[in-house]
Structures are given as structure tokens and as C-alpha cells.
């Protein structure tokens, strides 16, 4: 399945198996790959785990599928997350990674205005927020 290929490709990055990563990339996309760049990223990272967020298609009888995933890793002492929607294609019974689009984090939007420390407490006690509910 597309998800099984995604998991095996993650394992290949963990083990720095560059040849496998290239071999499981769609044949038409391989010329764009730089083996040394893949090797540097793989070796320069400490891999912490793969989270599959969702899958669409990519089952044994499908010809295409997508897998949204988050790969957690540390690079240069900084924890990072690679969040991507990966596209897969099955050719002659073999699944290949064909493309990936990074997913940008959603900005948090507060549903109501932020209460300032010196604003009246929203519990209607008559006290300033910093002297009332902010201390709980």
C-alpha cells in the first residue's frame, strides 16, 4: 500500500539507505534527486518517529494514493517536524513516491479578545484579572 511504502521510506531515512529512497521514487522524478543531499539530511538528523495523519486511497487495488504524515526529528540540536502530504502512484504493481507538498501549520486564532492583566476580570468579581482568576 501507499502507507506501507511511506513507512518503509521513513525507515530508509532513519538507516540512511539512500539507494532505497531513490529506487522507491517515481522513475520520472529520480533525475531531480541528489543522493549526497539525501545522505547529509539522513545522517545529520536524529529520527524520533513517524506519525501517519491520514491516508486517501493507496490500497492494493488502487493506482494512486496520498498519505499525510509528520516525521519528527532533531537537526543541529533543534527538534523539528516535517509535515507533508505525499502522493504515491502504483506502476505495474509497484508503489512509488511521486510528489510531496509541505503542510503549513495553522495559525491559532483566539475566539475572544485576550484579557489583559489590568483589565476587569471576566468573572465579574469587580477585581482586576491579575488579582482574581489569573492567580488560580
C-alpha atoms as a PDB file:
ATOM      1  CA  UNK A   1       0.000   0.000   0.000  1.00  0.00           C
ATOM      2  CA  UNK A   2       0.996   3.636  -0.227  1.00  0.00           C
ATOM      3  CA  UNK A   3       1.112   3.841   3.579  1.00  0.00           C
ATOM      4  CA  UNK A   4       3.417   0.806   3.783  1.00  0.00           C
ATOM      5  CA  UNK A   5       5.759   2.455   1.281  1.00  0.00           C
ATOM      6  CA  UNK A   6       5.664   5.680   3.286  1.00  0.00           C
ATOM      7  CA  UNK A   7       6.658   3.807   6.442  1.00  0.00           C
ATOM      8  CA  UNK A   8       9.471   1.944   4.648  1.00  0.00           C
ATOM      9  CA  UNK A   9      10.814   5.194   3.173  1.00  0.00           C
ATOM     10  CA  UNK A  10      10.866   6.757   6.647  1.00  0.00           C
ATOM     11  CA  UNK A  11      12.836   3.729   7.892  1.00  0.00           C
ATOM     12  CA  UNK A  12      15.234   4.200   4.961  1.00  0.00           C
ATOM     13  CA  UNK A  13      15.873   7.795   6.055  1.00  0.00           C
ATOM     14  CA  UNK A  14      16.500   6.571   9.616  1.00  0.00           C
ATOM     15  CA  UNK A  15      19.022   3.996   8.324  1.00  0.00           C
ATOM     16  CA  UNK A  16      20.490   6.267   5.602  1.00  0.00           C
ATOM     17  CA  UNK A  17      19.523   3.820   2.858  1.00  0.00           C
ATOM     18  CA  UNK A  18      19.799   6.348   0.043  1.00  0.00           C
ATOM     19  CA  UNK A  19      19.583   3.763  -2.752  1.00  0.00           C
ATOM     20  CA  UNK A  20      16.198   2.582  -1.435  1.00  0.00           C
ATOM     21  CA  UNK A  21      14.867   6.133  -1.233  1.00  0.00           C
ATOM     22  CA  UNK A  22      15.866   6.738  -4.840  1.00  0.00           C
ATOM     23  CA  UNK A  23      14.562   3.347  -6.039  1.00  0.00           C
ATOM     24  CA  UNK A  24      11.132   3.955  -4.471  1.00  0.00           C
ATOM     25  CA  UNK A  25      10.795   7.391  -6.080  1.00  0.00           C
ATOM     26  CA  UNK A  26       8.717   7.570  -9.269  1.00  0.00           C
ATOM     27  CA  UNK A  27      11.055   6.823 -12.233  1.00  0.00           C
ATOM     28  CA  UNK A  28      10.233  10.165 -13.885  1.00  0.00           C
ATOM     29  CA  UNK A  29      11.242  12.084 -10.719  1.00  0.00           C
ATOM     30  CA  UNK A  30      14.564  10.378  -9.957  1.00  0.00           C
ATOM     31  CA  UNK A  31      16.742  12.675 -12.059  1.00  0.00           C
ATOM     32  CA  UNK A  32      15.879  15.569  -9.700  1.00  0.00           C
ATOM     33  CA  UNK A  33      17.211  13.690  -6.653  1.00  0.00           C
ATOM     34  CA  UNK A  34      20.624  14.447  -5.213  1.00  0.00           C
ATOM     35  CA  UNK A  35      21.923  11.361  -3.415  1.00  0.00           C
ATOM     36  CA  UNK A  36      24.513  13.326  -1.419  1.00  0.00           C
ATOM     37  CA  UNK A  37      21.881  15.782  -0.206  1.00  0.00           C
ATOM     38  CA  UNK A  38      19.639  12.911   0.927  1.00  0.00           C
ATOM     39  CA  UNK A  39      22.606  11.299   2.691  1.00  0.00           C
ATOM     40  CA  UNK A  40      23.561  14.528   4.515  1.00  0.00           C
ATOM     41  CA  UNK A  41      19.998  15.121   5.760  1.00  0.00           C
ATOM     42  CA  UNK A  42      19.575  11.498   6.819  1.00  0.00           C
ATOM     43  CA  UNK A  43      22.910  11.255   8.643  1.00  0.00           C
ATOM     44  CA  UNK A  44      22.663  14.746  10.142  1.00  0.00           C
ATOM     45  CA  UNK A  45      19.301  14.056  11.766  1.00  0.00           C
ATOM     46  CA  UNK A  46      18.225  12.052  14.784  1.00  0.00           C
ATOM     47  CA  UNK A  47      14.894  10.485  13.909  1.00  0.00           C
ATOM     48  CA  UNK A  48      12.210  10.246  16.627  1.00  0.00           C
ATOM     49  CA  UNK A  49       9.181   8.761  14.905  1.00  0.00           C
ATOM     50  CA  UNK A  50       6.647   8.849  12.118  1.00  0.00           C
ATOM     51  CA  UNK A  51       3.023   9.804  12.607  1.00  0.00           C
ATOM     52  CA  UNK A  52       0.545   8.951   9.867  1.00  0.00           C
ATOM     53  CA  UNK A  53      -2.143  11.654   9.999  1.00  0.00           C
ATOM     54  CA  UNK A  54      -4.384  10.331   7.224  1.00  0.00           C
ATOM     55  CA  UNK A  55      -4.459   8.265   4.054  1.00  0.00           C
ATOM     56  CA  UNK A  56      -6.593   8.567   0.939  1.00  0.00           C
ATOM     57  CA  UNK A  57      -6.602   5.659  -1.491  1.00  0.00           C
ATOM     58  CA  UNK A  58      -3.335   3.839  -1.885  1.00  0.00           C
ATOM     59  CA  UNK A  59      -4.837   0.415  -1.219  1.00  0.00           C
ATOM     60  CA  UNK A  60      -3.708  -2.743  -3.064  1.00  0.00           C
ATOM     61  CA  UNK A  61      -6.260  -2.294  -5.877  1.00  0.00           C
ATOM     62  CA  UNK A  62      -5.745   1.486  -6.282  1.00  0.00           C
ATOM     63  CA  UNK A  63      -3.361   3.141  -8.731  1.00  0.00           C
ATOM     64  CA  UNK A  64      -2.872   6.343  -6.712  1.00  0.00           C
ATOM     65  CA  UNK A  65      -2.917   7.338  -3.084  1.00  0.00           C
ATOM     66  CA  UNK A  66      -1.876  10.035  -0.676  1.00  0.00           C
ATOM     67  CA  UNK A  67      -0.505   9.912   2.841  1.00  0.00           C
ATOM     68  CA  UNK A  68      -0.356  12.880   5.189  1.00  0.00           C
ATOM     69  CA  UNK A  69       2.427  12.354   7.697  1.00  0.00           C
ATOM     70  CA  UNK A  70       4.598  14.062  10.282  1.00  0.00           C
ATOM     71  CA  UNK A  71       8.218  12.941  10.660  1.00  0.00           C
ATOM     72  CA  UNK A  72       9.750  14.052  13.959  1.00  0.00           C
ATOM     73  CA  UNK A  73      13.500  14.553  14.078  1.00  0.00           C
ATOM     74  CA  UNK A  74      16.302  16.629  15.572  1.00  0.00           C
ATOM     75  CA  UNK A  75      18.738  18.510  13.347  1.00  0.00           C
ATOM     76  CA  UNK A  76      21.564  20.667  14.716  1.00  0.00           C
ATOM     77  CA  UNK A  77      20.168  20.321  18.271  1.00  0.00           C
ATOM     78  CA  UNK A  78      16.756  21.636  17.180  1.00  0.00           C
ATOM     79  CA  UNK A  79      13.619  19.477  17.288  1.00  0.00           C
ATOM     80  CA  UNK A  80      11.720  19.675  14.015  1.00  0.00           C
ATOM     81  CA  UNK A  81       8.628  18.258  12.345  1.00  0.00           C
ATOM     82  CA  UNK A  82       8.374  17.535   8.638  1.00  0.00           C
ATOM     83  CA  UNK A  83       4.633  17.668   7.861  1.00  0.00           C
ATOM     84  CA  UNK A  84       3.772  16.680   4.310  1.00  0.00           C
ATOM     85  CA  UNK A  85       1.022  15.402   2.028  1.00  0.00           C
ATOM     86  CA  UNK A  86       2.806  12.730  -0.026  1.00  0.00           C
ATOM     87  CA  UNK A  87       1.454  11.434  -3.338  1.00  0.00           C
ATOM     88  CA  UNK A  88       2.029   7.856  -4.485  1.00  0.00           C
ATOM     89  CA  UNK A  89       1.468   6.035  -7.765  1.00  0.00           C
ATOM     90  CA  UNK A  90       1.349   2.302  -8.482  1.00  0.00           C
ATOM     91  CA  UNK A  91       3.008   1.242 -11.744  1.00  0.00           C
ATOM     92  CA  UNK A  92       2.941  -2.419 -12.827  1.00  0.00           C
ATOM     93  CA  UNK A  93       2.024  -3.469  -9.294  1.00  0.00           C
ATOM     94  CA  UNK A  94       4.770  -1.449  -7.548  1.00  0.00           C
ATOM     95  CA  UNK A  95       4.142   1.663  -5.453  1.00  0.00           C
ATOM     96  CA  UNK A  96       6.337   4.746  -5.927  1.00  0.00           C
ATOM     97  CA  UNK A  97       6.538   8.091  -4.171  1.00  0.00           C
ATOM     98  CA  UNK A  98       5.685  10.695  -6.820  1.00  0.00           C
ATOM     99  CA  UNK A  99       5.413  14.074  -5.083  1.00  0.00           C
ATOM    100  CA  UNK A 100       5.059  15.790  -1.754  1.00  0.00           C
ATOM    101  CA  UNK A 101       3.622  19.098  -0.623  1.00  0.00           C
ATOM    102  CA  UNK A 102       4.610  20.547   2.767  1.00  0.00           C
ATOM    103  CA  UNK A 103       1.686  21.410   5.022  1.00  0.00           C
ATOM    104  CA  UNK A 104       1.974  24.798   6.686  1.00  0.00           C
ATOM    105  CA  UNK A 105       0.995  24.983  10.359  1.00  0.00           C
ATOM    106  CA  UNK A 106      -2.413  26.511  11.066  1.00  0.00           C
ATOM    107  CA  UNK A 107      -2.261  29.830  12.899  1.00  0.00           C
ATOM    108  CA  UNK A 108      -4.074  29.781  16.240  1.00  0.00           C
ATOM    109  CA  UNK A 109      -6.870  32.344  16.345  1.00  0.00           C
ATOM    110  CA  UNK A 110      -8.254  33.182  19.764  1.00  0.00           C
ATOM    111  CA  UNK A 111     -12.081  33.050  19.701  1.00  0.00           C
ATOM    112  CA  UNK A 112     -12.444  36.057  22.021  1.00  0.00           C
ATOM    113  CA  UNK A 113     -10.202  39.005  22.847  1.00  0.00           C
ATOM    114  CA  UNK A 114      -7.291  38.348  25.183  1.00  0.00           C
ATOM    115  CA  UNK A 115      -7.824  39.550  28.748  1.00  0.00           C
ATOM    116  CA  UNK A 116      -5.054  41.897  29.875  1.00  0.00           C
ATOM    117  CA  UNK A 117      -3.606  41.677  33.379  1.00  0.00           C
ATOM    118  CA  UNK A 118      -5.090  45.039  34.362  1.00  0.00           C
ATOM    119  CA  UNK A 119      -8.488  44.504  32.680  1.00  0.00           C
ATOM    120  CA  UNK A 120     -11.558  43.755  34.777  1.00  0.00           C
ATOM    121  CA  UNK A 121     -11.819  40.030  35.459  1.00  0.00           C
ATOM    122  CA  UNK A 122     -14.289  38.282  33.095  1.00  0.00           C
ATOM    123  CA  UNK A 123     -15.859  36.501  36.105  1.00  0.00           C
ATOM    124  CA  UNK A 124     -17.427  39.875  37.067  1.00  0.00           C
ATOM    125  CA  UNK A 125     -15.859  39.910  40.541  1.00  0.00           C
ATOM    126  CA  UNK A 126     -15.005  43.589  40.153  1.00  0.00           C
ATOM    127  CA  UNK A 127     -11.288  42.841  40.634  1.00  0.00           C
ATOM    128  CA  UNK A 128      -8.505  43.191  38.101  1.00  0.00           C
ATOM    129  CA  UNK A 129      -7.776  39.955  36.237  1.00  0.00           C
ATOM    130  CA  UNK A 130      -4.256  39.737  37.722  1.00  0.00           C
ATOM    131  CA  UNK A 131      -5.700  39.805  41.261  1.00  0.00           C
ATOM    132  CA  UNK A 132      -8.522  37.373  40.572  1.00  0.00           C
ATOM    133  CA  UNK A 133      -8.707  34.475  38.069  1.00  0.00           C
ATOM    134  CA  UNK A 134      -5.148  34.896  36.744  1.00  0.00           C
ATOM    135  CA  UNK A 135      -3.844  33.613  40.119  1.00  0.00           C
ATOM    136  CA  UNK A 136      -5.852  30.390  40.046  1.00  0.00           C
END
